[in-house]
């Protein structure tokens, strides 16, 4: 009986974890698809984990993501509202630089596209970078339901950590 309950509990836990997994592509402010994309899983209690998948960028090691549920206030930020704020090791995945940090706010909802294929609404993500303790800039854009390398979606830009490619 205990073994059956353990099996059922395990299925419930894994079912909940898989049900809350989300994948989004990063699109630029002009609508171009970046080569990396986020794959997030809700770990419960407001915690999130996952990877910044860099396979379509030619990367061999994906970046690690960990973060929390958060609400980013609209104090001049290009994206705000409810979502997740996470740390991302994408700089280390590409360059091995241990003193670099990329922090991202994501809304966890794809931006809609109009009949011309242009993204609508407010930006769905914003990222900021720091190196050796100094703010180094950021980038922003739309969250796309298209993922590079899936269903014929081809990236037209490098990774989202660069605003100009």
Protein backbone atom coordinates (compact mmCIF):
# COMPACT_ATOMS: atom_id res chain seq x y z
CA UNK A 1 0.00 0.00 0.00
CA UNK A 2 2.82 2.41 0.88
CA UNK A 3 4.54 1.67 -2.42
CA UNK A 4 1.34 2.44 -4.39
CA UNK A 5 0.89 5.74 -2.53
CA UNK A 6 4.51 6.66 -3.20
CA UNK A 7 4.04 5.91 -6.91
CA UNK A 8 0.87 8.02 -7.08
CA UNK A 9 2.54 10.89 -5.18
CA UNK A 10 5.53 10.74 -7.53
CA UNK A 11 3.24 10.92 -10.58
CA UNK A 12 1.37 13.89 -9.09
CA UNK A 13 4.61 15.77 -8.34
CA UNK A 14 6.06 15.11 -11.80
CA UNK A 15 2.72 15.90 -13.44
CA UNK A 16 2.59 19.27 -11.69
CA UNK A 17 6.19 20.04 -12.61
CA UNK A 18 5.65 19.23 -16.28
CA UNK A 19 2.33 21.09 -16.39
CA UNK A 20 4.05 24.30 -15.35
CA UNK A 21 6.95 24.11 -17.83
CA UNK A 22 7.02 27.00 -20.28
CA UNK A 23 9.14 27.80 -23.34
CA UNK A 24 9.39 31.17 -25.08
CA UNK A 25 11.56 32.66 -27.79
CA UNK A 26 13.06 36.11 -27.38
CA UNK A 27 12.13 38.59 -30.11
CA UNK A 28 13.80 41.97 -30.56
CA UNK A 29 11.99 45.29 -30.41
CA UNK A 30 11.86 45.09 -34.22
CA UNK A 31 10.42 41.58 -34.10
CA UNK A 32 13.49 39.56 -35.16
CA UNK A 33 13.91 36.21 -33.38
CA UNK A 34 17.06 35.81 -31.26
CA UNK A 35 18.85 32.45 -31.40
CA UNK A 36 18.45 31.61 -27.68
CA UNK A 37 15.22 30.83 -25.87
CA UNK A 38 14.04 30.28 -22.30
CA UNK A 39 12.76 26.97 -20.97
CA UNK A 40 11.33 27.52 -17.48
CA UNK A 41 9.78 25.18 -14.93
CA UNK A 42 7.88 26.22 -11.83
CA UNK A 43 9.47 24.47 -8.85
CA UNK A 44 6.66 25.54 -6.49
CA UNK A 45 6.54 28.14 -3.72
CA UNK A 46 7.34 30.89 -6.24
CA UNK A 47 10.69 29.40 -7.33
CA UNK A 48 11.62 28.79 -10.98
CA UNK A 49 14.46 26.94 -12.70
CA UNK A 50 15.40 26.03 -16.23
CA UNK A 51 17.76 26.75 -19.06
CA UNK A 52 18.49 29.49 -21.53
CA UNK A 53 18.79 27.20 -24.53
CA UNK A 54 21.64 28.33 -26.81
CA UNK A 55 21.65 25.36 -29.23
CA UNK A 56 20.39 27.48 -32.15
CA UNK A 57 23.25 29.92 -31.45
CA UNK A 58 25.84 27.20 -31.92
CA UNK A 59 26.44 26.93 -28.17
CA UNK A 60 27.43 23.57 -26.76
CA UNK A 61 26.39 24.18 -23.14
CA UNK A 62 23.04 25.75 -22.21
CA UNK A 63 22.90 28.49 -19.59
CA UNK A 64 21.31 27.83 -16.19
CA UNK A 65 18.30 29.87 -15.04
CA UNK A 66 16.99 30.27 -11.49
CA UNK A 67 14.58 32.86 -10.17
CA UNK A 68 11.38 33.84 -8.39
CA UNK A 69 7.86 35.04 -9.04
CA UNK A 70 7.99 38.82 -9.09
CA UNK A 71 6.16 41.95 -10.07
CA UNK A 72 8.29 44.55 -11.80
CA UNK A 73 6.89 48.04 -11.17
CA UNK A 74 6.44 50.40 -14.10
CA UNK A 75 9.13 52.85 -12.96
CA UNK A 76 10.41 53.53 -16.44
CA UNK A 77 11.19 49.87 -17.20
CA UNK A 78 10.37 48.76 -20.75
CA UNK A 79 8.56 45.66 -19.46
CA UNK A 80 6.65 45.37 -16.22
CA UNK A 81 3.90 43.60 -14.37
CA UNK A 82 3.70 40.07 -13.02
CA UNK A 83 6.23 37.46 -14.12
CA UNK A 84 9.56 35.96 -13.10
CA UNK A 85 12.92 37.58 -12.39
CA UNK A 86 15.84 35.21 -12.89
CA UNK A 87 19.60 35.05 -13.00
CA UNK A 88 21.00 33.54 -16.19
CA UNK A 89 24.52 32.17 -16.75
CA UNK A 90 24.46 32.86 -20.51
CA UNK A 91 27.67 34.91 -20.45
CA UNK A 92 29.51 32.02 -18.83
CA UNK A 93 27.98 29.59 -21.35
CA UNK A 94 29.39 31.62 -24.25
CA UNK A 95 32.61 33.05 -22.87
CA UNK A 96 33.39 31.43 -19.54
CA UNK A 97 33.49 34.88 -17.88
CA UNK A 98 32.68 34.20 -14.20
CA UNK A 99 32.30 37.90 -13.30
CA UNK A 100 29.40 38.52 -15.71
CA UNK A 101 25.74 38.42 -14.71
CA UNK A 102 22.63 38.54 -16.91
CA UNK A 103 19.35 39.13 -15.06
CA UNK A 104 16.02 38.85 -16.88
CA UNK A 105 12.42 39.76 -16.15
CA UNK A 106 9.94 37.75 -18.24
CA UNK A 107 6.15 37.97 -18.25
CA UNK A 108 5.58 34.26 -19.04
CA UNK A 109 3.10 35.03 -21.80
CA UNK A 110 3.75 35.28 -25.52
CA UNK A 111 3.07 38.60 -27.18
CA UNK A 112 0.33 38.44 -29.78
CA UNK A 113 1.04 39.19 -33.41
CA UNK A 114 -1.17 41.22 -35.70
CA UNK A 115 -2.19 40.13 -39.20
CA UNK A 116 1.11 41.51 -40.58
CA UNK A 117 3.17 39.37 -38.18
CA UNK A 118 4.22 42.31 -35.99
CA UNK A 119 4.24 41.83 -32.24
CA UNK A 120 1.71 43.87 -30.27
CA UNK A 121 1.43 45.04 -26.69
CA UNK A 122 4.12 45.94 -24.20
CA UNK A 123 7.49 44.23 -24.22
CA UNK A 124 7.49 40.75 -22.67
CA UNK A 125 11.07 40.68 -21.37
CA UNK A 126 13.92 42.93 -20.30
CA UNK A 127 17.47 41.91 -19.39
CA UNK A 128 20.31 43.77 -17.69
CA UNK A 129 24.02 42.92 -17.56
CA UNK A 130 26.83 43.63 -15.14
CA UNK A 131 30.53 42.79 -15.35
CA UNK A 132 32.86 42.80 -12.35
CA UNK A 133 30.26 44.69 -10.31
CA UNK A 134 29.49 47.42 -12.87
CA UNK A 135 26.22 47.87 -14.80
CA UNK A 136 26.96 47.24 -18.47
CA UNK A 137 23.62 47.81 -20.23
CA UNK A 138 20.60 45.83 -21.23
CA UNK A 139 18.19 44.68 -23.87
CA UNK A 140 14.44 44.19 -24.21
CA UNK A 141 11.85 42.82 -26.55
CA UNK A 142 8.82 40.63 -27.08
CA UNK A 143 8.20 37.07 -25.93
CA UNK A 144 7.55 34.85 -28.90
CA UNK A 145 5.64 31.59 -29.10
CA UNK A 146 8.10 30.76 -31.90
CA UNK A 147 11.21 28.95 -30.72
CA UNK A 148 14.36 28.97 -32.87
CA UNK A 149 14.97 25.62 -34.51
CA UNK A 150 11.39 24.39 -33.90
CA UNK A 151 8.58 24.22 -36.46
CA UNK A 152 10.66 26.01 -39.10
CA UNK A 153 11.37 29.08 -36.92
CA UNK A 154 14.80 30.41 -37.86
CA UNK A 155 16.62 32.96 -35.71
CA UNK A 156 17.73 36.12 -37.50
CA UNK A 157 19.77 37.58 -34.63
CA UNK A 158 22.47 36.38 -32.28
CA UNK A 159 21.80 35.86 -28.55
CA UNK A 160 19.44 38.19 -26.67
CA UNK A 161 22.32 39.51 -24.52
CA UNK A 162 23.26 41.77 -27.44
CA UNK A 163 20.92 44.48 -28.62
CA UNK A 164 22.80 45.06 -31.89
CA UNK A 165 23.85 42.12 -34.04
